[in-house]
Amino acid sequence: MKAEDIRTKTQDQLADDLAALKKEQFNLRFQKATGQLEKTARVKQVRRDIARIKTITAAKTAGKKA
């Protein structure tokens, strides 16, 4: 997921994406704990996507208030 794509989305879409990524992160943690995780790089990718969404969401809300 690229930052350009995230910036074009609405707040509701970002909230939905964030929830989906957090659910995926939860499932990946369980897969790692049970030894079933095949794509280990996906953990890092999901974590960074979550951070991107949170950063852009915060910037959007700060821009509306100012």
N, C-alpha and C. Protein backbone atom coordinates (compact mmCIF):
# COMPACT_ATOMS: atom_id res chain seq x y z
N MET A 1 0.85 -1.17 0.00
CA MET A 1 0.00 0.00 0.00
C MET A 1 0.90 1.24 0.00
N LYS A 2 0.64 2.14 -0.93
CA LYS A 2 1.45 3.34 -1.04
C LYS A 2 0.76 4.51 -0.37
N ALA A 3 1.55 5.48 0.05
CA ALA A 3 1.01 6.65 0.72
C ALA A 3 0.07 7.43 -0.19
N GLU A 4 0.36 7.47 -1.49
CA GLU A 4 -0.50 8.17 -2.44
C GLU A 4 -1.91 7.57 -2.45
N ASP A 5 -1.98 6.26 -2.40
CA ASP A 5 -3.27 5.58 -2.40
C ASP A 5 -4.03 5.86 -1.11
N ILE A 6 -3.31 5.91 -0.02
CA ILE A 6 -3.94 6.14 1.28
C ILE A 6 -4.50 7.55 1.37
N ARG A 7 -3.78 8.53 0.84
CA ARG A 7 -4.21 9.93 0.91
C ARG A 7 -5.51 10.19 0.16
N THR A 8 -5.78 9.39 -0.86
CA THR A 8 -6.99 9.61 -1.66
C THR A 8 -8.24 9.03 -1.00
N LYS A 9 -8.09 8.24 0.03
CA LYS A 9 -9.22 7.59 0.68
C LYS A 9 -9.86 8.50 1.72
N THR A 10 -11.13 8.21 2.03
CA THR A 10 -11.84 8.96 3.05
C THR A 10 -11.50 8.41 4.44
N GLN A 11 -11.93 9.11 5.45
CA GLN A 11 -11.67 8.69 6.83
C GLN A 11 -12.31 7.33 7.12
N ASP A 12 -13.52 7.11 6.59
CA ASP A 12 -14.20 5.83 6.82
C ASP A 12 -13.46 4.68 6.16
N GLN A 13 -12.98 4.91 4.94
CA GLN A 13 -12.23 3.88 4.25
C GLN A 13 -10.92 3.57 4.97
N LEU A 14 -10.29 4.61 5.49
CA LEU A 14 -9.04 4.40 6.24
C LEU A 14 -9.29 3.61 7.51
N ALA A 15 -10.40 3.91 8.18
CA ALA A 15 -10.74 3.17 9.40
C ALA A 15 -10.99 1.70 9.09
N ASP A 16 -11.66 1.43 7.97
CA ASP A 16 -11.91 0.04 7.58
C ASP A 16 -10.61 -0.68 7.24
N ASP A 17 -9.74 0.00 6.49
CA ASP A 17 -8.44 -0.59 6.14
C ASP A 17 -7.61 -0.87 7.38
N LEU A 18 -7.64 0.07 8.32
CA LEU A 18 -6.87 -0.10 9.55
C LEU A 18 -7.37 -1.30 10.35
N ALA A 19 -8.68 -1.45 10.43
CA ALA A 19 -9.25 -2.59 11.15
C ALA A 19 -8.86 -3.91 10.48
N ALA A 20 -8.89 -3.92 9.16
CA ALA A 20 -8.53 -5.14 8.43
C ALA A 20 -7.06 -5.49 8.63
N LEU A 21 -6.21 -4.47 8.61
CA LEU A 21 -4.77 -4.71 8.81
C LEU A 21 -4.47 -5.18 10.23
N LYS A 22 -5.17 -4.63 11.21
CA LYS A 22 -4.95 -5.06 12.58
C LYS A 22 -5.39 -6.51 12.78
N LYS A 23 -6.48 -6.89 12.11
CA LYS A 23 -6.94 -8.27 12.19
C LYS A 23 -5.92 -9.21 11.53
N GLU A 24 -5.38 -8.77 10.39
CA GLU A 24 -4.37 -9.57 9.72
C GLU A 24 -3.11 -9.70 10.57
N GLN A 25 -2.73 -8.60 11.22
CA GLN A 25 -1.56 -8.62 12.09
C GLN A 25 -1.77 -9.60 13.24
N PHE A 26 -2.95 -9.63 13.80
CA PHE A 26 -3.29 -10.55 14.87
C PHE A 26 -3.14 -12.00 14.40
N ASN A 27 -3.68 -12.27 13.20
CA ASN A 27 -3.60 -13.63 12.65
C ASN A 27 -2.15 -14.02 12.34
N LEU A 28 -1.37 -13.08 11.85
CA LEU A 28 0.03 -13.37 11.55
C LEU A 28 0.82 -13.68 12.83
N ARG A 29 0.49 -12.98 13.91
CA ARG A 29 1.16 -13.26 15.18
C ARG A 29 0.86 -14.69 15.65
N PHE A 30 -0.38 -15.13 15.48
CA PHE A 30 -0.74 -16.49 15.87
C PHE A 30 -0.04 -17.51 14.98
N GLN A 31 0.03 -17.22 13.69
CA GLN A 31 0.72 -18.14 12.78
C GLN A 31 2.20 -18.25 13.15
N LYS A 32 2.79 -17.14 13.53
CA LYS A 32 4.20 -17.15 13.91
C LYS A 32 4.41 -17.97 15.18
N ALA A 33 3.50 -17.81 16.13
CA ALA A 33 3.63 -18.52 17.40
C ALA A 33 3.46 -20.03 17.23
N THR A 34 2.64 -20.43 16.29
CA THR A 34 2.40 -21.86 16.09
C THR A 34 3.31 -22.46 15.02
N GLY A 35 4.16 -21.64 14.43
CA GLY A 35 5.10 -22.14 13.44
C GLY A 35 4.51 -22.34 12.06
N GLN A 36 3.38 -21.72 11.79
CA GLN A 36 2.72 -21.90 10.50
C GLN A 36 2.94 -20.73 9.55
N LEU A 37 3.70 -19.75 9.96
CA LEU A 37 3.91 -18.55 9.15
C LEU A 37 4.86 -18.84 8.00
N GLU A 38 4.38 -18.63 6.77
CA GLU A 38 5.20 -18.91 5.60
C GLU A 38 5.88 -17.65 5.07
N LYS A 39 5.13 -16.56 5.00
CA LYS A 39 5.69 -15.31 4.47
C LYS A 39 6.05 -14.39 5.64
N THR A 40 7.26 -14.51 6.11
CA THR A 40 7.66 -13.74 7.28
C THR A 40 7.76 -12.24 7.00
N ALA A 41 8.01 -11.87 5.77
CA ALA A 41 8.12 -10.45 5.42
C ALA A 41 6.78 -9.74 5.53
N ARG A 42 5.69 -10.48 5.47
CA ARG A 42 4.36 -9.88 5.53
C ARG A 42 4.12 -9.20 6.88
N VAL A 43 4.73 -9.69 7.95
CA VAL A 43 4.58 -9.10 9.27
C VAL A 43 5.08 -7.66 9.25
N LYS A 44 6.25 -7.46 8.70
CA LYS A 44 6.84 -6.13 8.62
C LYS A 44 6.03 -5.22 7.70
N GLN A 45 5.56 -5.75 6.61
CA GLN A 45 4.78 -4.98 5.65
C GLN A 45 3.46 -4.50 6.26
N VAL A 46 2.78 -5.38 6.99
CA VAL A 46 1.52 -5.02 7.62
C VAL A 46 1.75 -3.96 8.69
N ARG A 47 2.81 -4.13 9.47
CA ARG A 47 3.12 -3.16 10.52
C ARG A 47 3.37 -1.77 9.93
N ARG A 48 4.07 -1.71 8.83
CA ARG A 48 4.36 -0.42 8.19
C ARG A 48 3.12 0.19 7.56
N ASP A 49 2.24 -0.65 6.99
CA ASP A 49 1.00 -0.14 6.43
C ASP A 49 0.11 0.46 7.52
N ILE A 50 0.08 -0.18 8.67
CA ILE A 50 -0.69 0.36 9.80
C ILE A 50 -0.13 1.72 10.20
N ALA A 51 1.18 1.83 10.27
CA ALA A 51 1.80 3.10 10.64
C ALA A 51 1.50 4.17 9.61
N ARG A 52 1.53 3.82 8.32
CA ARG A 52 1.22 4.79 7.27
C ARG A 52 -0.19 5.32 7.40
N ILE A 53 -1.13 4.41 7.63
CA ILE A 53 -2.53 4.82 7.76
C ILE A 53 -2.72 5.72 8.97
N LYS A 54 -2.11 5.36 10.10
CA LYS A 54 -2.24 6.18 11.31
C LYS A 54 -1.63 7.56 11.11
N THR A 55 -0.49 7.62 10.45
CA THR A 55 0.19 8.90 10.22
C THR A 55 -0.64 9.81 9.33
N ILE A 56 -1.16 9.27 8.25
CA ILE A 56 -1.94 10.08 7.31
C ILE A 56 -3.29 10.48 7.93
N THR A 57 -3.88 9.60 8.72
CA THR A 57 -5.12 9.93 9.41
C THR A 57 -4.88 11.08 10.39
N ALA A 58 -3.80 11.03 11.12
CA ALA A 58 -3.48 12.10 12.07
C ALA A 58 -3.23 13.42 11.34
N ALA A 59 -2.56 13.35 10.22
CA ALA A 59 -2.28 14.56 9.45
C ALA A 59 -3.57 15.17 8.90
N LYS A 60 -4.48 14.32 8.45
CA LYS A 60 -5.76 14.82 7.93
C LYS A 60 -6.59 15.48 9.03
N THR A 61 -6.64 14.86 10.20
CA THR A 61 -7.44 15.44 11.28
C THR A 61 -6.79 16.72 11.80
N ALA A 62 -5.48 16.80 11.80
CA ALA A 62 -4.81 18.01 12.24
C ALA A 62 -5.03 19.14 11.24
N GLY A 63 -5.09 18.79 9.98
CA GLY A 63 -5.34 19.79 8.95
C GLY A 63 -6.73 20.36 9.00
N LYS A 64 -7.71 19.54 9.39
CA LYS A 64 -9.09 20.01 9.50
C LYS A 64 -9.27 20.95 10.68
N LYS A 65 -8.57 20.69 11.76
CA LYS A 65 -8.73 21.50 12.96
C LYS A 65 -8.03 22.86 12.83
N ALA A 66 -6.95 22.89 12.10
CA ALA A 66 -6.16 24.12 11.99
C ALA A 66 -6.77 25.11 11.03
